[in-house]
């Protein structure tokens, strides 16, 4: 997967394995387990460019978990939060607020393209925009119809970063989809999103 990402021009990677607080694992134990896996890549030349983080499942108790900052994206203040798949009730927003306030972290909301009804409902998705939150979209969505509501969101929302949703080399391989992206959203928007990502994460090695 690393070799494939490099062939597509990737220079830095955030590894974000899933963290499910409902499983009872603590952030500290998760980090130890994550390090064992990452340690197997030490001999890979790309190893210094792999930044560790997590995709943290949002549950009502997440803000009360000690050590949540251990799961932030590398040396940045950002944490990737995965919302539930059911309709977003008030507790989802309140939990995001609490993570930011209690742990001094900046939430990034994961793969919003998967929440079709949420993206289509401006009251729900734009509440995140009004509060200044960054959202993440998987590049795989750009293989879907132009009628997907995420395209309208991209045109109007200015705090978007892209992710590959890389899991394996078969069903969910590394795909930047740059050609498709440029064609569907335009070169200007493509550069805008890339520049925004650089503003957020450009100093990951600093």
N, C-alpha and C. Protein backbone atom coordinates (compact mmCIF):
# COMPACT_ATOMS: atom_id res chain seq x y z
N UNK A 1 0.83 -1.20 0.00
CA UNK A 1 0.00 0.00 0.00
C UNK A 1 0.86 1.26 0.00
N UNK A 2 1.96 1.22 0.78
CA UNK A 2 2.86 2.37 0.82
C UNK A 2 3.51 2.60 -0.54
N UNK A 3 3.94 1.52 -1.17
CA UNK A 3 4.57 1.64 -2.48
C UNK A 3 3.59 2.22 -3.50
N UNK A 4 2.35 1.79 -3.45
CA UNK A 4 1.34 2.29 -4.37
C UNK A 4 1.07 3.77 -4.14
N UNK A 5 0.97 4.18 -2.87
CA UNK A 5 0.77 5.59 -2.55
C UNK A 5 1.93 6.44 -3.06
N UNK A 6 3.14 5.94 -2.87
CA UNK A 6 4.32 6.68 -3.34
C UNK A 6 4.29 6.83 -4.85
N UNK A 7 3.84 5.79 -5.56
CA UNK A 7 3.80 5.85 -7.02
C UNK A 7 2.80 6.88 -7.50
N UNK A 8 1.84 7.25 -6.63
CA UNK A 8 0.84 8.25 -6.97
C UNK A 8 1.24 9.65 -6.49
N UNK A 9 2.47 9.77 -5.99
CA UNK A 9 2.98 11.07 -5.62
C UNK A 9 2.79 11.47 -4.18
N UNK A 10 2.36 10.55 -3.33
CA UNK A 10 2.16 10.86 -1.91
C UNK A 10 3.50 11.05 -1.22
N UNK A 11 3.61 12.11 -0.42
CA UNK A 11 4.86 12.41 0.27
C UNK A 11 4.76 12.16 1.77
N UNK A 12 3.57 12.28 2.34
CA UNK A 12 3.36 12.03 3.76
C UNK A 12 2.06 11.24 3.93
N UNK A 13 2.01 10.37 4.93
CA UNK A 13 0.82 9.55 5.18
C UNK A 13 0.42 9.65 6.65
N UNK A 14 -0.87 9.82 6.89
CA UNK A 14 -1.42 9.68 8.24
C UNK A 14 -2.09 8.32 8.32
N UNK A 15 -1.55 7.47 9.17
CA UNK A 15 -2.14 6.15 9.39
C UNK A 15 -3.20 6.29 10.48
N UNK A 16 -4.43 5.93 10.16
CA UNK A 16 -5.53 6.15 11.10
C UNK A 16 -6.33 4.87 11.33
N UNK A 17 -5.75 3.89 12.01
CA UNK A 17 -6.51 2.68 12.34
C UNK A 17 -7.70 3.03 13.24
N UNK A 18 -8.73 2.20 13.19
CA UNK A 18 -9.95 2.47 13.95
C UNK A 18 -9.74 2.31 15.45
N UNK A 19 -10.27 3.27 16.19
CA UNK A 19 -10.32 3.16 17.66
C UNK A 19 -11.78 3.17 18.07
N UNK A 20 -12.20 2.06 18.69
CA UNK A 20 -13.59 1.93 19.12
C UNK A 20 -13.63 1.93 20.65
N UNK A 21 -13.96 3.06 21.27
CA UNK A 21 -13.98 3.13 22.74
C UNK A 21 -14.96 2.16 23.36
N UNK A 22 -16.01 1.80 22.61
CA UNK A 22 -17.00 0.90 23.16
C UNK A 22 -16.45 -0.52 23.37
N UNK A 23 -15.27 -0.79 22.79
CA UNK A 23 -14.65 -2.11 22.99
C UNK A 23 -13.91 -2.21 24.31
N UNK A 24 -13.78 -1.08 25.01
CA UNK A 24 -13.14 -1.11 26.33
C UNK A 24 -11.64 -0.88 26.32
N UNK A 25 -11.03 -0.72 25.14
CA UNK A 25 -9.60 -0.48 25.05
C UNK A 25 -9.30 0.99 25.37
N UNK A 26 -8.25 1.25 26.13
CA UNK A 26 -7.88 2.61 26.47
C UNK A 26 -6.99 3.18 25.35
N UNK A 27 -6.93 4.51 25.22
CA UNK A 27 -6.02 5.09 24.23
C UNK A 27 -4.58 4.63 24.42
N UNK A 28 -4.15 4.50 25.67
CA UNK A 28 -2.78 4.07 25.94
C UNK A 28 -2.52 2.66 25.41
N UNK A 29 -3.45 1.74 25.66
CA UNK A 29 -3.29 0.38 25.17
C UNK A 29 -3.35 0.32 23.65
N UNK A 30 -4.22 1.15 23.08
CA UNK A 30 -4.34 1.22 21.62
C UNK A 30 -3.03 1.68 21.00
N UNK A 31 -2.43 2.71 21.59
CA UNK A 31 -1.18 3.26 21.05
C UNK A 31 -0.07 2.21 21.11
N UNK A 32 -0.03 1.44 22.18
CA UNK A 32 0.98 0.38 22.28
C UNK A 32 0.79 -0.66 21.18
N UNK A 33 -0.46 -1.05 20.96
CA UNK A 33 -0.76 -2.04 19.93
C UNK A 33 -0.46 -1.48 18.53
N UNK A 34 -0.78 -0.21 18.33
CA UNK A 34 -0.51 0.44 17.06
C UNK A 34 0.99 0.50 16.77
N UNK A 35 1.78 0.78 17.81
CA UNK A 35 3.21 0.90 17.65
C UNK A 35 3.86 -0.42 17.25
N UNK A 36 3.31 -1.51 17.77
CA UNK A 36 3.83 -2.83 17.38
C UNK A 36 3.67 -3.04 15.88
N UNK A 37 2.49 -2.68 15.36
CA UNK A 37 2.24 -2.84 13.93
C UNK A 37 3.14 -1.91 13.11
N UNK A 38 3.20 -0.66 13.53
CA UNK A 38 4.00 0.31 12.78
C UNK A 38 5.48 -0.04 12.84
N UNK A 39 5.90 -0.64 13.95
CA UNK A 39 7.30 -1.01 14.11
C UNK A 39 7.79 -1.98 13.06
N UNK A 40 6.87 -2.70 12.45
CA UNK A 40 7.24 -3.65 11.40
C UNK A 40 7.65 -2.95 10.11
N UNK A 41 7.42 -1.64 10.06
CA UNK A 41 7.74 -0.87 8.86
C UNK A 41 9.03 -0.07 8.99
N UNK A 42 9.73 -0.25 10.09
CA UNK A 42 10.92 0.57 10.37
C UNK A 42 11.93 0.51 9.23
N UNK A 43 12.07 -0.66 8.62
CA UNK A 43 13.07 -0.81 7.56
C UNK A 43 12.62 -0.21 6.23
N UNK A 44 11.35 0.18 6.14
CA UNK A 44 10.85 0.77 4.90
C UNK A 44 11.37 2.20 4.78
N UNK A 45 11.90 2.59 3.61
CA UNK A 45 12.44 3.95 3.44
C UNK A 45 11.42 5.05 3.70
N UNK A 46 10.14 4.71 3.56
CA UNK A 46 9.09 5.70 3.73
C UNK A 46 8.70 5.88 5.20
N UNK A 47 9.24 5.05 6.06
CA UNK A 47 8.83 5.04 7.48
C UNK A 47 8.82 6.42 8.14
N UNK A 48 9.82 7.27 7.92
CA UNK A 48 9.82 8.60 8.57
C UNK A 48 8.65 9.49 8.14
N UNK A 49 7.98 9.11 7.07
CA UNK A 49 6.88 9.93 6.55
C UNK A 49 5.50 9.37 6.92
N UNK A 50 5.49 8.38 7.80
CA UNK A 50 4.22 7.82 8.28
C UNK A 50 3.92 8.45 9.63
N UNK A 51 2.82 9.15 9.72
CA UNK A 51 2.42 9.83 10.95
C UNK A 51 1.22 9.10 11.56
N UNK A 52 1.34 8.79 12.82
CA UNK A 52 0.33 7.95 13.46
C UNK A 52 -0.83 8.75 14.04
N UNK A 53 -2.01 8.20 13.88
CA UNK A 53 -3.22 8.80 14.43
C UNK A 53 -4.24 7.71 14.65
N UNK A 54 -5.50 8.06 14.52
CA UNK A 54 -6.58 7.07 14.67
C UNK A 54 -7.84 7.65 14.07
N UNK A 55 -8.75 6.77 13.72
CA UNK A 55 -10.10 7.18 13.34
C UNK A 55 -10.97 6.81 14.53
N UNK A 56 -11.36 7.81 15.29
CA UNK A 56 -11.99 7.59 16.59
C UNK A 56 -13.52 7.58 16.45
N UNK A 57 -14.10 6.47 16.78
CA UNK A 57 -15.56 6.33 16.70
C UNK A 57 -16.23 7.20 17.76
N UNK A 58 -17.18 8.00 17.33
CA UNK A 58 -17.90 8.87 18.27
C UNK A 58 -18.96 8.07 19.01
N UNK A 59 -18.85 8.07 20.32
CA UNK A 59 -19.90 7.53 21.17
C UNK A 59 -20.14 8.57 22.25
N UNK A 60 -21.23 8.44 22.98
CA UNK A 60 -21.61 9.46 23.96
C UNK A 60 -20.55 9.65 25.04
N UNK A 61 -19.72 8.63 25.29
CA UNK A 61 -18.75 8.68 26.39
C UNK A 61 -17.37 9.14 25.95
N UNK A 62 -17.14 9.37 24.66
CA UNK A 62 -15.79 9.58 24.16
C UNK A 62 -15.08 10.75 24.81
N UNK A 63 -15.77 11.84 25.06
CA UNK A 63 -15.11 13.02 25.61
C UNK A 63 -14.61 12.80 27.03
N UNK A 64 -15.17 11.82 27.73
CA UNK A 64 -14.75 11.56 29.10
C UNK A 64 -13.60 10.59 29.23
N UNK A 65 -13.08 10.11 28.12
CA UNK A 65 -11.99 9.14 28.15
C UNK A 65 -10.65 9.84 28.34
N UNK A 66 -9.90 9.40 29.32
CA UNK A 66 -8.57 9.97 29.57
C UNK A 66 -7.60 9.59 28.46
N UNK A 67 -6.72 10.53 28.14
CA UNK A 67 -5.67 10.25 27.17
C UNK A 67 -6.09 10.32 25.73
N UNK A 68 -7.19 10.98 25.45
CA UNK A 68 -7.69 11.04 24.07
C UNK A 68 -6.69 11.74 23.15
N UNK A 69 -5.90 12.63 23.69
CA UNK A 69 -4.92 13.35 22.88
C UNK A 69 -3.86 12.43 22.29
N UNK A 70 -3.72 11.24 22.83
CA UNK A 70 -2.77 10.27 22.29
C UNK A 70 -3.16 9.84 20.88
N UNK A 71 -4.41 10.08 20.53
CA UNK A 71 -4.93 9.62 19.25
C UNK A 71 -4.95 10.70 18.18
N UNK A 72 -4.39 11.87 18.48
CA UNK A 72 -4.40 12.95 17.51
C UNK A 72 -3.54 12.60 16.30
N UNK A 73 -3.70 13.35 15.23
CA UNK A 73 -3.00 13.07 13.99
C UNK A 73 -1.56 13.57 14.06
N UNK A 74 -0.66 12.65 14.36
CA UNK A 74 0.76 12.98 14.45
C UNK A 74 1.04 14.06 15.46
N UNK A 75 1.81 15.06 15.06
CA UNK A 75 2.16 16.17 15.94
C UNK A 75 1.18 17.33 15.85
N UNK A 76 0.12 17.14 15.10
CA UNK A 76 -0.87 18.21 14.92
C UNK A 76 -1.85 18.22 16.09
N UNK A 77 -2.66 19.26 16.21
CA UNK A 77 -3.70 19.29 17.25
C UNK A 77 -5.01 18.67 16.79
N UNK A 78 -5.02 18.03 15.60
CA UNK A 78 -6.26 17.53 15.02
C UNK A 78 -6.53 16.08 15.41
N UNK A 79 -7.82 15.74 15.55
CA UNK A 79 -8.22 14.37 15.83
C UNK A 79 -9.34 14.00 14.86
N UNK A 80 -9.23 12.82 14.26
CA UNK A 80 -10.21 12.36 13.27
C UNK A 80 -11.33 11.62 13.97
N UNK A 81 -12.54 12.14 13.86
CA UNK A 81 -13.70 11.57 14.53
C UNK A 81 -14.67 10.97 13.51
N UNK A 82 -15.10 9.74 13.78
CA UNK A 82 -16.03 9.05 12.90
C UNK A 82 -17.44 9.07 13.49
N UNK A 83 -18.37 9.79 12.86
CA UNK A 83 -19.74 9.86 13.38
C UNK A 83 -20.48 8.53 13.22
N UNK A 84 -21.56 8.36 13.98
CA UNK A 84 -22.37 7.14 13.82
C UNK A 84 -23.11 7.18 12.49
N UNK A 85 -23.54 6.03 12.03
CA UNK A 85 -24.21 5.95 10.74
C UNK A 85 -25.71 6.26 10.81
N UNK A 86 -26.27 6.24 12.01
CA UNK A 86 -27.66 6.64 12.12
C UNK A 86 -27.78 8.16 12.05
N UNK A 87 -28.99 8.66 11.97
CA UNK A 87 -29.22 10.10 11.89
C UNK A 87 -28.51 10.82 13.04
N UNK A 88 -27.85 11.94 12.72
CA UNK A 88 -27.10 12.67 13.74
C UNK A 88 -28.05 13.42 14.66
N UNK A 89 -28.12 12.97 15.89
CA UNK A 89 -28.93 13.65 16.90
C UNK A 89 -28.07 14.71 17.60
N UNK A 90 -28.68 15.45 18.49
CA UNK A 90 -27.97 16.53 19.18
C UNK A 90 -26.74 16.04 19.93
N UNK A 91 -26.80 14.82 20.48
CA UNK A 91 -25.68 14.32 21.28
C UNK A 91 -24.40 14.20 20.44
N UNK A 92 -24.54 13.97 19.13
CA UNK A 92 -23.36 13.86 18.27
C UNK A 92 -22.60 15.19 18.25
N UNK A 93 -23.33 16.27 18.03
CA UNK A 93 -22.70 17.59 18.01
C UNK A 93 -22.13 17.96 19.38
N UNK A 94 -22.89 17.67 20.43
CA UNK A 94 -22.42 17.99 21.78
C UNK A 94 -21.16 17.22 22.12
N UNK A 95 -21.06 16.00 21.63
CA UNK A 95 -19.86 15.19 21.88
C UNK A 95 -18.65 15.78 21.16
N UNK A 96 -18.86 16.21 19.93
CA UNK A 96 -17.77 16.85 19.18
C UNK A 96 -17.31 18.11 19.90
N UNK A 97 -18.26 18.93 20.36
CA UNK A 97 -17.91 20.14 21.11
C UNK A 97 -17.09 19.78 22.36
N UNK A 98 -17.53 18.74 23.07
CA UNK A 98 -16.88 18.36 24.32
C UNK A 98 -15.46 17.86 24.10
N UNK A 99 -15.24 17.13 23.02
CA UNK A 99 -13.88 16.66 22.70
C UNK A 99 -12.96 17.85 22.48
N UNK A 100 -13.45 18.83 21.77
CA UNK A 100 -12.66 20.03 21.51
C UNK A 100 -12.38 20.80 22.80
N UNK A 101 -13.41 21.00 23.60
CA UNK A 101 -13.28 21.82 24.81
C UNK A 101 -12.44 21.15 25.90
N UNK A 102 -12.71 19.87 26.14
CA UNK A 102 -12.04 19.18 27.25
C UNK A 102 -10.61 18.78 26.93
N UNK A 103 -10.37 18.36 25.70
CA UNK A 103 -9.06 17.81 25.35
C UNK A 103 -8.21 18.77 24.52
N UNK A 104 -8.76 19.96 24.24
CA UNK A 104 -8.02 20.97 23.47
C UNK A 104 -7.57 20.42 22.11
N UNK A 105 -8.45 19.66 21.48
CA UNK A 105 -8.17 19.08 20.17
C UNK A 105 -9.08 19.71 19.12
N UNK A 106 -8.64 19.67 17.87
CA UNK A 106 -9.44 20.22 16.79
C UNK A 106 -10.05 19.06 15.99
N UNK A 107 -11.36 18.86 16.10
CA UNK A 107 -11.98 17.73 15.41
C UNK A 107 -11.98 17.86 13.89
N UNK A 108 -11.73 16.75 13.24
CA UNK A 108 -11.92 16.59 11.80
C UNK A 108 -12.96 15.49 11.65
N UNK A 109 -14.02 15.74 10.91
CA UNK A 109 -15.12 14.78 10.81
C UNK A 109 -14.88 13.87 9.61
N UNK A 110 -14.79 12.57 9.87
CA UNK A 110 -14.37 11.59 8.87
C UNK A 110 -15.45 11.28 7.83
N UNK A 111 -14.97 11.01 6.62
CA UNK A 111 -15.74 10.52 5.47
C UNK A 111 -17.23 10.92 5.46
N UNK A 112 -17.47 12.21 5.45
CA UNK A 112 -18.87 12.68 5.46
C UNK A 112 -19.62 12.26 4.20
N UNK A 113 -18.89 11.90 3.14
CA UNK A 113 -19.55 11.46 1.91
C UNK A 113 -20.39 10.20 2.11
N UNK A 114 -20.15 9.47 3.18
CA UNK A 114 -20.91 8.24 3.44
C UNK A 114 -22.29 8.53 4.02
N UNK A 115 -22.47 9.73 4.52
CA UNK A 115 -23.73 10.07 5.19
C UNK A 115 -24.61 10.85 4.21
N UNK A 116 -25.18 10.14 3.27
CA UNK A 116 -25.90 10.76 2.16
C UNK A 116 -26.97 11.74 2.65
N UNK A 117 -27.80 11.30 3.58
CA UNK A 117 -28.90 12.16 4.05
C UNK A 117 -28.39 13.36 4.85
N UNK A 118 -27.28 13.18 5.55
CA UNK A 118 -26.71 14.29 6.33
C UNK A 118 -26.15 15.35 5.40
N UNK A 119 -25.42 14.90 4.37
CA UNK A 119 -24.83 15.84 3.41
C UNK A 119 -25.92 16.60 2.66
N UNK A 120 -27.02 15.94 2.42
CA UNK A 120 -28.12 16.57 1.70
C UNK A 120 -28.90 17.56 2.57
N UNK A 121 -28.79 17.40 3.88
CA UNK A 121 -29.52 18.25 4.83
C UNK A 121 -28.60 19.39 5.28
N UNK A 122 -28.77 20.56 4.70
CA UNK A 122 -27.86 21.68 5.01
C UNK A 122 -27.86 22.04 6.49
N UNK A 123 -28.97 21.90 7.16
CA UNK A 123 -29.02 22.27 8.57
C UNK A 123 -28.05 21.42 9.38
N UNK A 124 -27.86 20.17 8.96
CA UNK A 124 -27.00 19.27 9.74
C UNK A 124 -25.54 19.38 9.34
N UNK A 125 -25.25 19.35 8.05
CA UNK A 125 -23.85 19.40 7.64
C UNK A 125 -23.27 20.79 7.81
N UNK A 126 -24.07 21.83 7.55
CA UNK A 126 -23.54 23.18 7.65
C UNK A 126 -23.39 23.66 9.08
N UNK A 127 -23.98 22.94 10.00
CA UNK A 127 -23.74 23.29 11.40
C UNK A 127 -22.26 23.10 11.73
N UNK A 128 -21.64 22.11 11.11
CA UNK A 128 -20.20 21.90 11.29
C UNK A 128 -19.41 23.05 10.68
N UNK A 129 -19.85 23.52 9.53
CA UNK A 129 -19.16 24.62 8.85
C UNK A 129 -19.23 25.90 9.67
N UNK A 130 -20.40 26.15 10.21
CA UNK A 130 -20.59 27.38 10.99
C UNK A 130 -19.70 27.40 12.22
N UNK A 131 -19.35 26.23 12.72
CA UNK A 131 -18.50 26.13 13.89
C UNK A 131 -17.02 26.01 13.52
N UNK A 132 -16.73 26.04 12.21
CA UNK A 132 -15.35 26.05 11.76
C UNK A 132 -14.66 24.70 11.70
N UNK A 133 -15.44 23.62 11.70
CA UNK A 133 -14.83 22.29 11.67
C UNK A 133 -14.42 21.87 10.26
N UNK A 134 -13.34 21.12 10.21
CA UNK A 134 -12.87 20.54 8.96
C UNK A 134 -13.58 19.21 8.73
N UNK A 135 -13.95 18.96 7.48
CA UNK A 135 -14.53 17.67 7.14
C UNK A 135 -13.62 16.94 6.18
N UNK A 136 -13.67 15.61 6.22
CA UNK A 136 -12.84 14.78 5.35
C UNK A 136 -13.75 14.00 4.41
N UNK A 137 -13.34 13.90 3.16
CA UNK A 137 -14.09 13.17 2.14
C UNK A 137 -13.17 12.12 1.52
N UNK A 138 -13.69 10.91 1.33
CA UNK A 138 -12.91 9.86 0.69
C UNK A 138 -12.89 10.06 -0.82
N UNK A 139 -11.72 9.88 -1.43
CA UNK A 139 -11.60 10.07 -2.87
C UNK A 139 -12.43 9.06 -3.65
N UNK A 140 -12.77 7.93 -3.05
CA UNK A 140 -13.56 6.91 -3.75
C UNK A 140 -14.94 7.43 -4.16
N UNK A 141 -15.44 8.45 -3.47
CA UNK A 141 -16.77 8.97 -3.78
C UNK A 141 -16.83 9.59 -5.18
N UNK A 142 -15.69 9.97 -5.69
CA UNK A 142 -15.68 10.64 -6.99
C UNK A 142 -15.88 9.69 -8.16
N UNK A 143 -15.99 8.41 -7.88
CA UNK A 143 -16.36 7.46 -8.92
C UNK A 143 -17.87 7.30 -8.99
N UNK A 144 -18.57 8.00 -8.10
CA UNK A 144 -20.03 7.92 -8.08
C UNK A 144 -20.63 9.01 -8.95
N UNK A 145 -21.94 8.94 -9.13
CA UNK A 145 -22.66 9.87 -10.00
C UNK A 145 -22.43 11.33 -9.61
N UNK A 146 -22.48 12.17 -10.61
CA UNK A 146 -22.37 13.61 -10.39
C UNK A 146 -23.54 14.16 -9.57
N UNK A 147 -24.57 13.35 -9.42
CA UNK A 147 -25.74 13.79 -8.66
C UNK A 147 -25.59 13.54 -7.16
N UNK A 148 -24.49 12.93 -6.76
CA UNK A 148 -24.25 12.72 -5.33
C UNK A 148 -24.16 14.10 -4.66
N UNK A 149 -24.83 14.31 -3.54
CA UNK A 149 -24.85 15.64 -2.91
C UNK A 149 -23.49 16.14 -2.45
N UNK A 150 -22.50 15.25 -2.39
CA UNK A 150 -21.18 15.69 -1.94
C UNK A 150 -20.57 16.70 -2.90
N UNK A 151 -20.95 16.66 -4.19
CA UNK A 151 -20.38 17.61 -5.15
C UNK A 151 -20.82 19.04 -4.85
N UNK A 152 -22.06 19.20 -4.48
CA UNK A 152 -22.56 20.53 -4.11
C UNK A 152 -21.87 21.00 -2.83
N UNK A 153 -21.67 20.07 -1.91
CA UNK A 153 -20.98 20.39 -0.67
C UNK A 153 -19.57 20.89 -0.94
N UNK A 154 -18.87 20.21 -1.83
CA UNK A 154 -17.50 20.60 -2.16
C UNK A 154 -17.43 22.01 -2.74
N UNK A 155 -18.40 22.37 -3.54
CA UNK A 155 -18.40 23.69 -4.15
C UNK A 155 -18.57 24.80 -3.12
N UNK A 156 -19.30 24.50 -2.03
CA UNK A 156 -19.68 25.54 -1.08
C UNK A 156 -18.90 25.52 0.24
N UNK A 157 -18.32 24.37 0.58
CA UNK A 157 -17.64 24.21 1.87
C UNK A 157 -16.15 24.42 1.66
N UNK A 158 -15.52 25.25 2.45
CA UNK A 158 -14.11 25.58 2.20
C UNK A 158 -13.14 24.96 3.20
N UNK A 159 -13.60 24.01 3.99
CA UNK A 159 -12.70 23.34 4.95
C UNK A 159 -12.76 21.83 4.72
N UNK A 160 -12.24 21.41 3.58
CA UNK A 160 -12.32 20.00 3.19
C UNK A 160 -10.92 19.44 2.96
N UNK A 161 -10.68 18.25 3.51
CA UNK A 161 -9.47 17.51 3.18
C UNK A 161 -9.89 16.17 2.58
N UNK A 162 -9.00 15.58 1.81
CA UNK A 162 -9.28 14.32 1.14
C UNK A 162 -8.54 13.18 1.80
N UNK A 163 -9.13 11.99 1.75
CA UNK A 163 -8.50 10.78 2.27
C UNK A 163 -8.71 9.65 1.29
N UNK A 164 -7.82 8.66 1.31
CA UNK A 164 -7.92 7.56 0.35
C UNK A 164 -8.74 6.39 0.88
N UNK A 165 -8.98 6.33 2.18
CA UNK A 165 -9.69 5.20 2.78
C UNK A 165 -8.97 3.89 2.47
N UNK A 166 -7.66 3.96 2.46
CA UNK A 166 -6.85 2.79 2.14
C UNK A 166 -6.94 1.73 3.24
N UNK A 167 -7.37 0.52 2.85
CA UNK A 167 -7.44 -0.59 3.80
C UNK A 167 -6.63 -1.80 3.33
N UNK A 168 -6.55 -1.97 2.01
CA UNK A 168 -5.89 -3.15 1.46
C UNK A 168 -5.58 -2.90 -0.02
N UNK A 169 -5.13 -3.94 -0.72
CA UNK A 169 -4.82 -3.79 -2.14
C UNK A 169 -5.89 -4.40 -3.04
N UNK A 170 -7.01 -4.79 -2.46
CA UNK A 170 -8.06 -5.43 -3.25
C UNK A 170 -9.34 -4.59 -3.26
N UNK A 171 -10.15 -4.71 -2.22
CA UNK A 171 -11.45 -4.02 -2.21
C UNK A 171 -11.34 -2.53 -1.91
N UNK A 172 -10.30 -2.11 -1.16
CA UNK A 172 -10.16 -0.70 -0.80
C UNK A 172 -8.70 -0.28 -0.93
N UNK A 173 -8.20 -0.26 -2.17
CA UNK A 173 -6.79 0.06 -2.41
C UNK A 173 -6.52 1.56 -2.38
N UNK A 174 -5.25 1.94 -2.35
CA UNK A 174 -4.89 3.37 -2.37
C UNK A 174 -5.21 3.99 -3.73
N UNK A 175 -6.09 5.00 -3.72
CA UNK A 175 -6.42 5.70 -4.95
C UNK A 175 -6.58 7.18 -4.66
N UNK A 176 -5.72 7.98 -5.24
CA UNK A 176 -5.83 9.43 -5.08
C UNK A 176 -6.92 9.98 -5.99
N UNK A 177 -7.11 9.35 -7.14
CA UNK A 177 -8.16 9.73 -8.10
C UNK A 177 -7.99 11.17 -8.61
N UNK A 178 -6.75 11.60 -8.78
CA UNK A 178 -6.53 13.01 -9.17
C UNK A 178 -7.18 13.37 -10.50
N UNK A 179 -7.06 12.50 -11.50
CA UNK A 179 -7.62 12.81 -12.81
C UNK A 179 -9.14 12.97 -12.74
N UNK A 180 -9.78 12.04 -12.03
CA UNK A 180 -11.24 12.10 -11.91
C UNK A 180 -11.63 13.35 -11.12
N UNK A 181 -10.89 13.63 -10.06
CA UNK A 181 -11.18 14.79 -9.22
C UNK A 181 -11.09 16.09 -10.02
N UNK A 182 -10.01 16.23 -10.75
CA UNK A 182 -9.82 17.46 -11.53
C UNK A 182 -10.95 17.65 -12.55
N UNK A 183 -11.39 16.53 -13.13
CA UNK A 183 -12.44 16.60 -14.14
C UNK A 183 -13.79 16.96 -13.52
N UNK A 184 -14.08 16.40 -12.35
CA UNK A 184 -15.41 16.57 -11.76
C UNK A 184 -15.56 17.84 -10.93
N UNK A 185 -14.49 18.28 -10.28
CA UNK A 185 -14.63 19.46 -9.43
C UNK A 185 -13.84 20.66 -9.95
N UNK A 186 -13.01 20.42 -10.96
CA UNK A 186 -12.24 21.51 -11.54
C UNK A 186 -10.87 21.66 -10.89
N UNK A 187 -9.91 22.10 -11.68
CA UNK A 187 -8.53 22.23 -11.20
C UNK A 187 -8.44 23.25 -10.07
N UNK A 188 -9.22 24.32 -10.15
CA UNK A 188 -9.17 25.36 -9.14
C UNK A 188 -9.56 24.82 -7.76
N UNK A 189 -10.65 24.06 -7.70
CA UNK A 189 -11.09 23.50 -6.42
C UNK A 189 -10.12 22.44 -5.93
N UNK A 190 -9.55 21.68 -6.85
CA UNK A 190 -8.55 20.68 -6.49
C UNK A 190 -7.36 21.35 -5.79
N UNK A 191 -6.87 22.43 -6.37
CA UNK A 191 -5.74 23.15 -5.77
C UNK A 191 -6.14 23.80 -4.44
N UNK A 192 -7.35 24.28 -4.37
CA UNK A 192 -7.84 24.89 -3.14
C UNK A 192 -7.81 23.88 -1.99
N UNK A 193 -8.30 22.66 -2.24
CA UNK A 193 -8.31 21.64 -1.20
C UNK A 193 -6.91 21.20 -0.83
N UNK A 194 -6.04 21.09 -1.83
CA UNK A 194 -4.66 20.71 -1.54
C UNK A 194 -3.95 21.77 -0.71
N UNK A 195 -4.17 23.02 -1.04
CA UNK A 195 -3.55 24.11 -0.29
C UNK A 195 -4.08 24.15 1.15
N UNK A 196 -5.37 23.86 1.30
CA UNK A 196 -5.94 23.84 2.65
C UNK A 196 -5.29 22.73 3.47
N UNK A 197 -5.09 21.56 2.86
CA UNK A 197 -4.44 20.45 3.56
C UNK A 197 -3.02 20.82 3.97
N UNK A 198 -2.33 21.52 3.08
CA UNK A 198 -0.96 21.94 3.40
C UNK A 198 -0.95 22.92 4.56
N UNK A 199 -1.94 23.79 4.61
CA UNK A 199 -2.03 24.75 5.71
C UNK A 199 -2.21 24.01 7.04
N UNK A 200 -3.02 22.94 7.02
CA UNK A 200 -3.29 22.19 8.24
C UNK A 200 -2.13 21.30 8.64
N UNK A 201 -1.56 20.59 7.63
CA UNK A 201 -0.62 19.52 7.94
C UNK A 201 0.77 19.71 7.35
N UNK A 202 1.02 20.86 6.77
CA UNK A 202 2.30 21.07 6.10
C UNK A 202 3.50 21.00 7.01
N UNK A 203 3.30 21.21 8.31
CA UNK A 203 4.43 21.18 9.24
C UNK A 203 4.50 19.90 10.05
N UNK A 204 4.03 18.78 9.47
CA UNK A 204 3.95 17.54 10.26
C UNK A 204 5.30 17.05 10.74
N UNK A 205 6.36 17.43 10.05
CA UNK A 205 7.68 16.98 10.47
C UNK A 205 8.39 18.00 11.36
N UNK A 206 7.70 19.12 11.62
CA UNK A 206 8.32 20.18 12.40
C UNK A 206 8.08 20.04 13.89
